Amino acid sequence: MNIELLLFASAKDLFGESQIPLKLPTGATIADLKSALIKRQPEAASLIGRCAFSVDQQYATDDMELNPNHEIAMIPPVSGG
C-alpha cells in the first residue's frame, strides 16, 4: 500500500520535505513505518525513536495497523519554557 507521511519541525528539516511517500505491505503498523523510515534515512534513527506518530489526528501506538486512507504524521519532540 502507498501512504503519505506528514513531517513537521526537525523531522521536516532532516528529510528535507513536508510529506514523503512510502510503500508498505498491506497490514503494516506504525512499527513497520518506523523501520521503513530508518531504512530510508539511517541517520534519522535517533529522531524517529523519539517521535510520536499520529493517525487521523490521534496519537498512535506501534501496533496500530495502517491503511492508505489514514492521515499519518510524525511529530518530533518539542521543548519550551
N, C-alpha and C. Protein backbone atom coordinates (compact mmCIF):
# COMPACT_ATOMS: atom_id res chain seq x y z
N MET A 1 0.85 -1.18 0.00
CA MET A 1 0.00 0.00 0.00
C MET A 1 0.88 1.23 0.00
N ASN A 2 0.38 2.30 -0.54
CA ASN A 2 1.09 3.56 -0.59
C ASN A 2 0.48 4.51 0.43
N ILE A 3 1.35 5.15 1.20
CA ILE A 3 0.90 6.15 2.17
C ILE A 3 1.71 7.42 1.99
N GLU A 4 1.19 8.51 2.51
CA GLU A 4 1.89 9.78 2.58
C GLU A 4 2.09 10.09 4.05
N LEU A 5 3.34 10.33 4.44
CA LEU A 5 3.65 10.67 5.82
C LEU A 5 3.90 12.17 5.92
N LEU A 6 3.18 12.83 6.82
CA LEU A 6 3.37 14.25 7.05
C LEU A 6 4.50 14.45 8.06
N LEU A 7 5.37 15.42 7.81
CA LEU A 7 6.52 15.69 8.68
C LEU A 7 6.46 17.14 9.16
N PHE A 8 6.94 17.35 10.38
CA PHE A 8 6.93 18.67 10.98
C PHE A 8 8.27 18.97 11.64
N ALA A 9 8.58 20.25 11.79
CA ALA A 9 9.72 20.75 12.54
C ALA A 9 11.02 20.05 12.16
N SER A 10 11.73 19.49 13.14
CA SER A 10 13.05 18.89 12.87
C SER A 10 12.96 17.68 11.94
N ALA A 11 11.85 16.96 11.95
CA ALA A 11 11.68 15.83 11.03
C ALA A 11 11.60 16.34 9.59
N LYS A 12 10.89 17.42 9.41
CA LYS A 12 10.79 18.04 8.09
C LYS A 12 12.16 18.52 7.62
N ASP A 13 12.92 19.11 8.53
CA ASP A 13 14.27 19.58 8.19
C ASP A 13 15.18 18.41 7.84
N LEU A 14 15.12 17.35 8.61
CA LEU A 14 16.00 16.20 8.39
C LEU A 14 15.72 15.50 7.06
N PHE A 15 14.45 15.32 6.74
CA PHE A 15 14.08 14.63 5.50
C PHE A 15 14.03 15.59 4.30
N GLY A 16 14.01 16.89 4.58
CA GLY A 16 14.00 17.87 3.51
C GLY A 16 12.68 18.02 2.79
N GLU A 17 11.61 17.52 3.37
CA GLU A 17 10.28 17.57 2.76
C GLU A 17 9.23 17.65 3.85
N SER A 18 8.05 18.13 3.52
CA SER A 18 6.95 18.15 4.49
C SER A 18 6.07 16.92 4.38
N GLN A 19 6.20 16.19 3.28
CA GLN A 19 5.48 14.92 3.08
C GLN A 19 6.39 13.97 2.33
N ILE A 20 6.35 12.72 2.74
CA ILE A 20 7.10 11.73 1.97
C ILE A 20 6.21 10.52 1.68
N PRO A 21 6.27 10.03 0.45
CA PRO A 21 5.51 8.83 0.10
C PRO A 21 6.28 7.60 0.54
N LEU A 22 5.55 6.61 1.02
CA LEU A 22 6.17 5.34 1.41
C LEU A 22 5.31 4.19 0.91
N LYS A 23 5.95 3.14 0.50
CA LYS A 23 5.24 1.91 0.11
C LYS A 23 5.45 0.91 1.23
N LEU A 24 4.35 0.46 1.81
CA LEU A 24 4.38 -0.51 2.92
C LEU A 24 3.49 -1.69 2.55
N PRO A 25 3.78 -2.85 3.14
CA PRO A 25 2.91 -4.00 2.87
C PRO A 25 1.53 -3.81 3.50
N THR A 26 0.54 -4.43 2.92
CA THR A 26 -0.80 -4.40 3.50
C THR A 26 -0.73 -4.93 4.92
N GLY A 27 -1.41 -4.26 5.83
CA GLY A 27 -1.40 -4.67 7.23
C GLY A 27 -0.23 -4.10 8.02
N ALA A 28 0.54 -3.21 7.41
CA ALA A 28 1.69 -2.61 8.10
C ALA A 28 1.22 -1.80 9.31
N THR A 29 2.10 -1.70 10.29
CA THR A 29 1.82 -0.98 11.52
C THR A 29 2.73 0.24 11.63
N ILE A 30 2.52 1.02 12.67
CA ILE A 30 3.40 2.15 12.94
C ILE A 30 4.84 1.65 13.11
N ALA A 31 5.04 0.52 13.77
CA ALA A 31 6.39 -0.05 13.93
C ALA A 31 7.02 -0.34 12.56
N ASP A 32 6.24 -0.87 11.64
CA ASP A 32 6.74 -1.13 10.28
C ASP A 32 7.09 0.18 9.58
N LEU A 33 6.28 1.19 9.79
CA LEU A 33 6.54 2.50 9.22
C LEU A 33 7.86 3.06 9.73
N LYS A 34 8.09 2.95 11.04
CA LYS A 34 9.35 3.42 11.62
C LYS A 34 10.54 2.69 11.00
N SER A 35 10.42 1.39 10.84
CA SER A 35 11.51 0.60 10.23
C SER A 35 11.78 1.06 8.81
N ALA A 36 10.72 1.32 8.05
CA ALA A 36 10.88 1.79 6.66
C ALA A 36 11.56 3.15 6.62
N LEU A 37 11.21 4.01 7.56
CA LEU A 37 11.84 5.33 7.62
C LEU A 37 13.32 5.23 7.94
N ILE A 38 13.66 4.37 8.88
CA ILE A 38 15.06 4.19 9.26
C ILE A 38 15.85 3.59 8.10
N LYS A 39 15.25 2.66 7.38
CA LYS A 39 15.91 2.08 6.21
C LYS A 39 16.14 3.16 5.15
N ARG A 40 15.19 4.04 5.00
CA ARG A 40 15.29 5.10 4.00
C ARG A 40 16.33 6.15 4.39
N GLN A 41 16.41 6.47 5.68
CA GLN A 41 17.32 7.51 6.16
C GLN A 41 17.91 7.08 7.51
N PRO A 42 18.95 6.22 7.48
CA PRO A 42 19.52 5.67 8.72
C PRO A 42 19.95 6.72 9.74
N GLU A 43 20.42 7.87 9.27
CA GLU A 43 20.86 8.90 10.22
C GLU A 43 19.71 9.51 11.01
N ALA A 44 18.48 9.22 10.64
CA ALA A 44 17.31 9.73 11.34
C ALA A 44 16.82 8.78 12.43
N ALA A 45 17.50 7.65 12.64
CA ALA A 45 17.03 6.63 13.57
C ALA A 45 16.79 7.18 14.98
N SER A 46 17.71 7.98 15.47
CA SER A 46 17.56 8.53 16.82
C SER A 46 16.32 9.41 16.93
N LEU A 47 16.13 10.28 15.95
CA LEU A 47 14.96 11.15 15.96
C LEU A 47 13.67 10.35 15.83
N ILE A 48 13.64 9.40 14.93
CA ILE A 48 12.44 8.58 14.72
C ILE A 48 12.04 7.88 16.01
N GLY A 49 13.02 7.39 16.75
CA GLY A 49 12.74 6.72 18.02
C GLY A 49 12.14 7.62 19.08
N ARG A 50 12.36 8.93 18.96
CA ARG A 50 11.84 9.88 19.94
C ARG A 50 10.55 10.55 19.50
N CYS A 51 10.15 10.35 18.26
CA CYS A 51 8.95 11.00 17.72
C CYS A 51 7.67 10.28 18.12
N ALA A 52 6.61 11.06 18.19
CA ALA A 52 5.27 10.50 18.31
C ALA A 52 4.71 10.38 16.90
N PHE A 53 3.79 9.46 16.72
CA PHE A 53 3.11 9.30 15.43
C PHE A 53 1.62 9.44 15.66
N SER A 54 0.97 10.06 14.71
CA SER A 54 -0.48 10.19 14.81
C SER A 54 -1.14 9.61 13.57
N VAL A 55 -2.34 9.09 13.77
CA VAL A 55 -3.16 8.57 12.69
C VAL A 55 -4.52 9.24 12.83
N ASP A 56 -4.90 9.92 11.78
CA ASP A 56 -6.16 10.68 11.78
C ASP A 56 -6.26 11.60 13.00
N GLN A 57 -5.15 12.28 13.28
CA GLN A 57 -5.04 13.29 14.32
C GLN A 57 -5.21 12.74 15.74
N GLN A 58 -4.92 11.46 15.92
CA GLN A 58 -4.92 10.82 17.24
C GLN A 58 -3.58 10.13 17.42
N TYR A 59 -2.97 10.26 18.59
CA TYR A 59 -1.71 9.57 18.82
C TYR A 59 -1.88 8.08 18.61
N ALA A 60 -0.86 7.46 18.01
CA ALA A 60 -0.94 6.04 17.65
C ALA A 60 0.16 5.26 18.35
N THR A 61 -0.13 4.01 18.68
CA THR A 61 0.86 3.11 19.25
C THR A 61 1.53 2.32 18.13
N ASP A 62 2.66 1.71 18.45
CA ASP A 62 3.43 0.98 17.45
C ASP A 62 2.65 -0.16 16.79
N ASP A 63 1.67 -0.71 17.48
CA ASP A 63 0.94 -1.86 16.92
C ASP A 63 -0.29 -1.46 16.10
N MET A 64 -0.51 -0.17 15.93
CA MET A 64 -1.68 0.26 15.15
C MET A 64 -1.49 -0.06 13.68
N GLU A 65 -2.48 -0.72 13.10
CA GLU A 65 -2.44 -1.07 11.68
C GLU A 65 -2.85 0.13 10.83
N LEU A 66 -2.13 0.31 9.75
CA LEU A 66 -2.35 1.46 8.87
C LEU A 66 -3.12 1.07 7.61
N ASN A 67 -3.77 2.05 7.01
CA ASN A 67 -4.35 1.85 5.68
C ASN A 67 -4.11 3.12 4.87
N PRO A 68 -4.19 3.05 3.56
CA PRO A 68 -3.85 4.19 2.71
C PRO A 68 -4.74 5.42 2.91
N ASN A 69 -5.90 5.26 3.50
CA ASN A 69 -6.80 6.38 3.72
C ASN A 69 -6.49 7.17 4.98
N HIS A 70 -5.59 6.67 5.82
CA HIS A 70 -5.26 7.36 7.06
C HIS A 70 -4.41 8.60 6.79
N GLU A 71 -4.60 9.62 7.61
CA GLU A 71 -3.68 10.76 7.65
C GLU A 71 -2.65 10.41 8.72
N ILE A 72 -1.40 10.23 8.31
CA ILE A 72 -0.35 9.78 9.21
C ILE A 72 0.71 10.87 9.33
N ALA A 73 1.08 11.19 10.57
CA ALA A 73 2.06 12.25 10.79
C ALA A 73 3.11 11.80 11.81
N MET A 74 4.32 12.32 11.61
CA MET A 74 5.44 12.10 12.51
C MET A 74 5.65 13.41 13.26
N ILE A 75 5.58 13.36 14.59
CA ILE A 75 5.63 14.57 15.39
C ILE A 75 6.87 14.53 16.28
N PRO A 76 7.86 15.36 15.99
CA PRO A 76 9.09 15.37 16.78
C PRO A 76 8.83 15.90 18.19
N PRO A 77 9.73 15.56 19.10
CA PRO A 77 9.60 16.10 20.46
C PRO A 77 9.76 17.62 20.44
N VAL A 78 9.08 18.27 21.33
CA VAL A 78 9.17 19.72 21.44
C VAL A 78 9.60 20.09 22.85
N SER A 79 10.18 21.23 22.98
CA SER A 79 10.54 21.72 24.31
C SER A 79 10.20 23.19 24.36
N GLY A 80 10.07 23.67 25.53
CA GLY A 80 9.74 25.07 25.68
C GLY A 80 9.75 25.44 27.14
N GLY A 81 9.53 26.64 27.40
CA GLY A 81 9.62 27.07 28.77
C GLY A 81 8.54 27.91 29.18
